[in-house]
Amino acid sequence: MTPSERQLGRRSALGLALILLLAGCSGLSQQWTQAWQAQRSYHDGLARYEAKDYRGAIPYFARALAHDPAFDDAGAHLAWSYYYVGDYPQATRHFRQALARQPRWEGLHTGLGWSRYRVGRYHLALEAFQTALALDPRYRDAAVGRAYALFELGRYAEALPQLEQLTREGAFYVPDGNSDVEEVRSRCAWCLYYTGGYQQARDEFAKGLQAHPKRECLHNGLGWTYLKLGDRAKARESFQRALQLDPNYADARAGLAEANR
């Protein structure tokens, strides 16, 4: 090889190295741009999410994921945003996608559980809540969901201990639902009713009515409990109060007919 050929070879090698370096810089620059755009979209979405504008947040979180498919916080917030706007099938889909990347994130399992719960898929909801609790036994949102799913499945004896504990503790959270302790107390009272603890059920319904005297479902539950205890006069009174609050309450109307027999 002549000196000129060697020099040309060196120049070619240097040129190739420069091209590769520039290409690498260009790729790196593109990656930084994508990451910056993902972060910007995420923070714009987060501002709307924190303001409870969940529908407005959705396109921003989706854009963040388009720029960075590994942006797990954006994926989780996108799933919850769909949940809060009531699009439970989409929420389920996005929770599942997020879990494919983060299978040990208990919050995602809990979100999947609530999404399934809202469409009446209680067996699948229970499975998701139990997975979340296996990852974190102290995760209260998942504990509430598990108790609610068991209740809806008619597994009252299993739901009762958890509902009693939640009622005693008095502080819990149900995503986009009634987080009032009396809602849990009502379910607890019904569990007692269905498992034959009528006197305890009566006491729990009565406690609930002390806090919420205009909650027709509690009057209705108390009426059915009085029927089981053989006090038809008090049962009629409870059903009548329930119907005053909601004249179309079919279960209270059926209870009143039973009490009048």
Protein backbone atom coordinates (compact mmCIF):
# COMPACT_ATOMS: atom_id res chain seq x y z
CA MET A 1 0.00 0.00 0.00
CA THR A 2 1.43 3.38 -1.05
CA PRO A 3 1.67 6.33 1.37
CA SER A 4 -1.17 7.99 -0.50
CA GLU A 5 -3.32 4.90 -0.12
CA ARG A 6 -2.47 4.69 3.56
CA GLN A 7 -3.31 8.38 3.98
CA LEU A 8 -6.56 7.90 2.10
CA GLY A 9 -7.35 4.93 4.27
CA ARG A 10 -6.72 6.96 7.40
CA ARG A 11 -8.90 9.77 6.08
CA SER A 12 -11.65 7.31 5.22
CA ALA A 13 -11.45 5.82 8.71
CA LEU A 14 -11.55 9.28 10.28
CA GLY A 15 -14.49 10.23 8.06
CA LEU A 16 -16.38 7.11 9.02
CA ALA A 17 -15.67 7.72 12.69
CA LEU A 18 -16.88 11.31 12.34
CA ILE A 19 -20.03 10.17 10.59
CA LEU A 20 -20.69 7.63 13.32
CA LEU A 21 -20.02 10.23 16.00
CA LEU A 22 -22.37 12.72 14.39
CA ALA A 23 -25.00 10.03 13.96
CA GLY A 24 -24.59 9.10 17.62
CA CYS A 25 -24.92 12.73 18.67
CA SER A 26 -27.98 13.10 16.50
CA GLY A 27 -29.53 9.98 18.03
CA LEU A 28 -28.65 11.16 21.51
CA SER A 29 -30.12 14.56 20.78
CA GLN A 30 -33.30 12.94 19.52
CA GLN A 31 -33.52 10.82 22.69
CA TRP A 32 -33.09 13.89 24.88
CA THR A 33 -35.76 15.73 22.88
CA GLN A 34 -38.19 12.81 23.27
CA ALA A 35 -37.46 12.58 27.00
CA TRP A 36 -37.97 16.32 27.44
CA GLN A 37 -41.25 16.25 25.50
CA ALA A 38 -42.43 13.28 27.56
CA GLN A 39 -41.66 15.07 30.82
CA ARG A 40 -43.34 18.25 29.65
CA SER A 41 -46.50 16.41 28.59
CA TYR A 42 -46.53 14.47 31.85
CA HIS A 43 -46.29 17.59 34.01
CA ASP A 44 -49.01 19.32 31.98
CA GLY A 45 -51.20 16.28 32.49
CA LEU A 46 -50.34 16.08 36.17
CA ALA A 47 -51.44 19.68 36.70
CA ARG A 48 -54.84 18.84 35.24
CA TYR A 49 -55.02 15.57 37.15
CA GLU A 50 -54.35 17.29 40.47
CA ALA A 51 -57.06 19.83 39.59
CA LYS A 52 -59.40 16.82 39.03
CA ASP A 53 -59.67 17.59 35.32
CA TYR A 54 -59.16 13.93 34.50
CA ARG A 55 -60.59 14.11 31.01
CA GLY A 56 -58.28 16.99 30.20
CA ALA A 57 -55.29 15.09 31.61
CA ILE A 58 -55.76 12.01 29.42
CA PRO A 59 -54.24 13.34 26.14
CA TYR A 60 -51.19 14.69 27.96
CA PHE A 61 -50.43 11.40 29.68
CA ALA A 62 -51.03 9.56 26.40
CA ARG A 63 -48.62 11.96 24.65
CA ALA A 64 -46.01 11.40 27.35
CA LEU A 65 -46.23 7.66 26.74
CA ALA A 66 -46.01 8.15 22.99
CA HIS A 67 -42.72 9.97 23.51
CA ASP A 68 -41.50 7.49 26.12
CA PRO A 69 -43.29 4.11 26.30
CA ALA A 70 -41.27 3.28 29.45
CA PHE A 71 -42.68 6.27 31.36
CA ASP A 72 -44.41 4.21 34.05
CA ASP A 73 -45.79 7.12 36.09
CA ALA A 74 -47.49 8.48 32.99
CA GLY A 75 -48.98 5.04 32.31
CA ALA A 76 -50.32 4.76 35.85
CA HIS A 77 -51.83 8.25 35.77
CA LEU A 78 -53.38 7.59 32.37
CA ALA A 79 -55.08 4.47 33.74
CA TRP A 80 -56.39 6.31 36.81
CA SER A 81 -57.61 9.20 34.65
CA TYR A 82 -59.72 6.81 32.59
CA TYR A 83 -61.01 5.32 35.84
CA TYR A 84 -62.07 8.69 37.23
CA VAL A 85 -63.96 9.65 34.07
CA GLY A 86 -65.87 6.36 34.30
CA ASP A 87 -64.29 4.64 31.29
CA TYR A 88 -63.58 1.42 33.17
CA PRO A 89 -62.76 -0.77 30.13
CA GLN A 90 -60.06 1.69 29.06
CA ALA A 91 -58.84 1.96 32.65
CA THR A 92 -58.60 -1.84 32.81
CA ARG A 93 -56.66 -1.95 29.56
CA HIS A 94 -54.14 0.66 30.69
CA PHE A 95 -53.71 -0.82 34.16
CA ARG A 96 -52.92 -4.16 32.50
CA GLN A 97 -50.43 -2.52 30.16
CA ALA A 98 -48.73 -0.79 33.07
CA LEU A 99 -48.62 -4.06 35.04
CA ALA A 100 -46.89 -5.76 32.14
CA ARG A 101 -43.94 -3.50 32.91
CA GLN A 102 -44.41 -3.20 36.69
CA PRO A 103 -45.96 -6.47 37.95
CA ARG A 104 -45.05 -5.74 41.58
CA TRP A 105 -46.64 -2.28 41.78
CA GLU A 106 -49.48 -2.86 44.25
CA GLY A 107 -51.21 0.41 43.32
CA LEU A 108 -51.67 -0.81 39.76
CA HIS A 109 -53.21 -4.08 40.95
CA THR A 110 -55.56 -2.07 43.17
CA GLY A 111 -56.54 0.19 40.28
CA LEU A 112 -57.20 -2.87 38.15
CA GLY A 113 -59.33 -4.27 40.97
CA TRP A 114 -61.49 -1.16 41.25
CA SER A 115 -61.89 -0.95 37.47
CA ARG A 116 -63.16 -4.52 37.41
CA TYR A 117 -65.33 -3.93 40.47
CA ARG A 118 -67.12 -1.01 38.80
CA VAL A 119 -68.29 -3.19 35.91
CA GLY A 120 -69.45 -6.02 38.18
CA ARG A 121 -66.56 -8.41 37.55
CA TYR A 122 -66.21 -9.13 41.23
CA HIS A 123 -64.26 -12.38 40.98
CA LEU A 124 -61.57 -10.71 38.89
CA ALA A 125 -61.64 -7.66 41.16
CA LEU A 126 -61.09 -9.88 44.19
CA GLU A 127 -58.13 -11.53 42.47
CA ALA A 128 -56.51 -8.14 41.78
CA PHE A 129 -57.07 -6.86 45.32
CA GLN A 130 -55.62 -10.03 46.81
CA THR A 131 -52.54 -9.71 44.61
CA ALA A 132 -52.07 -6.15 45.85
CA LEU A 133 -52.39 -7.30 49.47
CA ALA A 134 -49.89 -10.10 48.89
CA LEU A 135 -47.41 -7.42 47.83
CA ASP A 136 -48.33 -5.09 50.71
CA PRO A 137 -50.56 -6.55 53.46
CA ARG A 138 -51.05 -3.06 54.96
CA TYR A 139 -52.40 -1.50 51.76
CA ARG A 140 -55.77 -0.22 52.97
CA ASP A 141 -57.23 0.71 49.56
CA ALA A 142 -56.79 -2.90 48.52
CA ALA A 143 -58.23 -4.13 51.83
CA VAL A 144 -61.37 -2.04 51.30
CA GLY A 145 -61.68 -3.35 47.76
CA ARG A 146 -61.28 -6.94 48.90
CA ALA A 147 -64.01 -6.53 51.52
CA TYR A 148 -66.35 -4.87 49.01
CA ALA A 149 -65.74 -7.58 46.40
CA LEU A 150 -66.39 -10.34 48.94
CA PHE A 151 -69.61 -8.58 49.95
CA GLU A 152 -70.82 -8.35 46.35
CA LEU A 153 -70.01 -12.04 45.85
CA GLY A 154 -72.22 -12.91 48.82
CA ARG A 155 -69.28 -14.16 50.87
CA TYR A 156 -70.52 -12.29 53.93
CA ALA A 157 -68.72 -14.32 56.61
CA GLU A 158 -65.38 -13.61 54.91
CA ALA A 159 -66.13 -9.92 54.36
CA LEU A 160 -67.37 -9.29 57.89
CA PRO A 161 -64.04 -9.21 59.85
CA GLN A 162 -62.47 -6.75 57.39
CA LEU A 163 -65.57 -4.52 57.37
CA GLU A 164 -65.69 -4.54 61.18
CA GLN A 165 -62.05 -3.50 61.32
CA LEU A 166 -62.59 -0.71 58.78
CA THR A 167 -65.61 0.51 60.74
CA ARG A 168 -63.55 0.65 63.94
CA GLU A 169 -60.66 2.45 62.26
CA GLY A 170 -63.00 4.91 60.61
CA ALA A 171 -60.66 6.21 57.91
CA PHE A 172 -60.39 4.71 54.44
CA TYR A 173 -60.65 5.61 50.79
CA VAL A 174 -62.79 4.33 47.95
CA PRO A 175 -61.65 5.73 44.58
CA ASP A 176 -64.45 7.79 43.04
CA GLY A 177 -66.92 6.32 45.50
CA ASN A 178 -68.53 6.85 48.88
CA SER A 179 -65.69 6.93 51.41
CA ASP A 180 -68.06 7.66 54.29
CA VAL A 181 -67.53 5.24 57.15
CA GLU A 182 -71.32 4.71 57.27
CA GLU A 183 -71.16 3.08 53.85
CA VAL A 184 -68.82 0.48 55.31
CA ARG A 185 -70.98 0.27 58.44
CA SER A 186 -74.00 -0.45 56.24
CA ARG A 187 -72.21 -3.30 54.50
CA CYS A 188 -71.00 -4.57 57.86
CA ALA A 189 -74.58 -4.51 59.18
CA TRP A 190 -75.84 -6.42 56.14
CA CYS A 191 -73.11 -9.02 56.63
CA LEU A 192 -74.29 -9.46 60.20
CA TYR A 193 -77.86 -9.71 58.93
CA TYR A 194 -77.05 -12.36 56.32
CA THR A 195 -75.01 -14.39 58.82
CA GLY A 196 -77.78 -14.32 61.43
CA GLY A 197 -76.43 -11.67 63.80
CA TYR A 198 -79.67 -9.70 63.82
CA GLN A 199 -79.22 -7.84 67.11
CA GLN A 200 -75.73 -6.70 66.13
CA ALA A 201 -77.03 -5.75 62.70
CA ARG A 202 -79.78 -3.67 64.31
CA ASP A 203 -77.19 -1.84 66.41
CA GLU A 204 -74.96 -1.12 63.39
CA PHE A 205 -77.85 0.20 61.29
CA ALA A 206 -78.93 2.37 64.24
CA LYS A 207 -75.39 3.78 64.62
CA GLY A 208 -75.35 4.63 60.97
CA LEU A 209 -78.64 6.47 61.24
CA GLN A 210 -77.33 8.55 64.12
CA ALA A 211 -74.78 9.98 61.73
CA HIS A 212 -77.00 10.00 58.62
CA PRO A 213 -80.70 10.04 59.55
CA LYS A 214 -81.72 10.70 55.94
CA ARG A 215 -80.00 7.70 54.39
CA GLU A 216 -82.89 5.57 53.17
CA CYS A 217 -80.81 2.40 52.74
CA LEU A 218 -80.06 2.38 56.47
CA HIS A 219 -83.76 2.72 57.37
CA ASN A 220 -84.48 -0.12 54.95
CA GLY A 221 -81.81 -2.35 56.50
CA LEU A 222 -83.09 -1.58 59.97
CA GLY A 223 -86.62 -2.49 58.84
CA TRP A 224 -85.57 -5.90 57.57
CA THR A 225 -83.61 -6.50 60.75
CA TYR A 226 -86.62 -5.68 62.90
CA LEU A 227 -88.63 -8.15 60.84
CA LYS A 228 -86.12 -10.88 61.64
CA LEU A 229 -86.31 -9.91 65.33
CA GLY A 230 -90.10 -10.18 65.21
CA ASP A 231 -90.88 -6.49 65.81
CA ARG A 232 -93.28 -5.70 62.96
CA ALA A 233 -94.32 -2.30 64.32
CA LYS A 234 -90.76 -0.97 64.30
CA ALA A 235 -90.15 -2.64 60.96
CA ARG A 236 -93.12 -0.78 59.43
CA GLU A 237 -91.88 2.48 60.89
CA SER A 238 -88.42 1.97 59.39
CA PHE A 239 -89.73 1.03 55.95
CA GLN A 240 -92.08 4.01 55.96
CA ARG A 241 -89.20 6.36 56.72
CA ALA A 242 -87.18 4.83 53.91
CA LEU A 243 -90.09 5.36 51.51
CA GLN A 244 -90.57 8.96 52.66
CA LEU A 245 -86.99 9.58 51.59
CA ASP A 246 -87.31 7.56 48.39
CA PRO A 247 -90.88 6.68 47.30
CA ASN A 248 -89.51 4.42 44.56
CA TYR A 249 -87.41 2.27 46.87
CA ALA A 250 -88.59 -1.19 45.78
CA ASP A 251 -86.87 -3.15 48.55
CA ALA A 252 -88.41 -0.93 51.24
CA ARG A 253 -91.82 -1.29 49.60
CA ALA A 254 -91.44 -5.07 49.63
CA GLY A 255 -90.39 -4.91 53.28
CA LEU A 256 -93.40 -2.79 54.20
CA ALA A 257 -95.70 -5.30 52.50
CA GLU A 258 -94.06 -8.09 54.48
CA ALA A 259 -94.39 -6.15 57.74
CA ASN A 260 -98.12 -5.54 57.09
CA ARG A 261 -98.96 -9.23 56.63
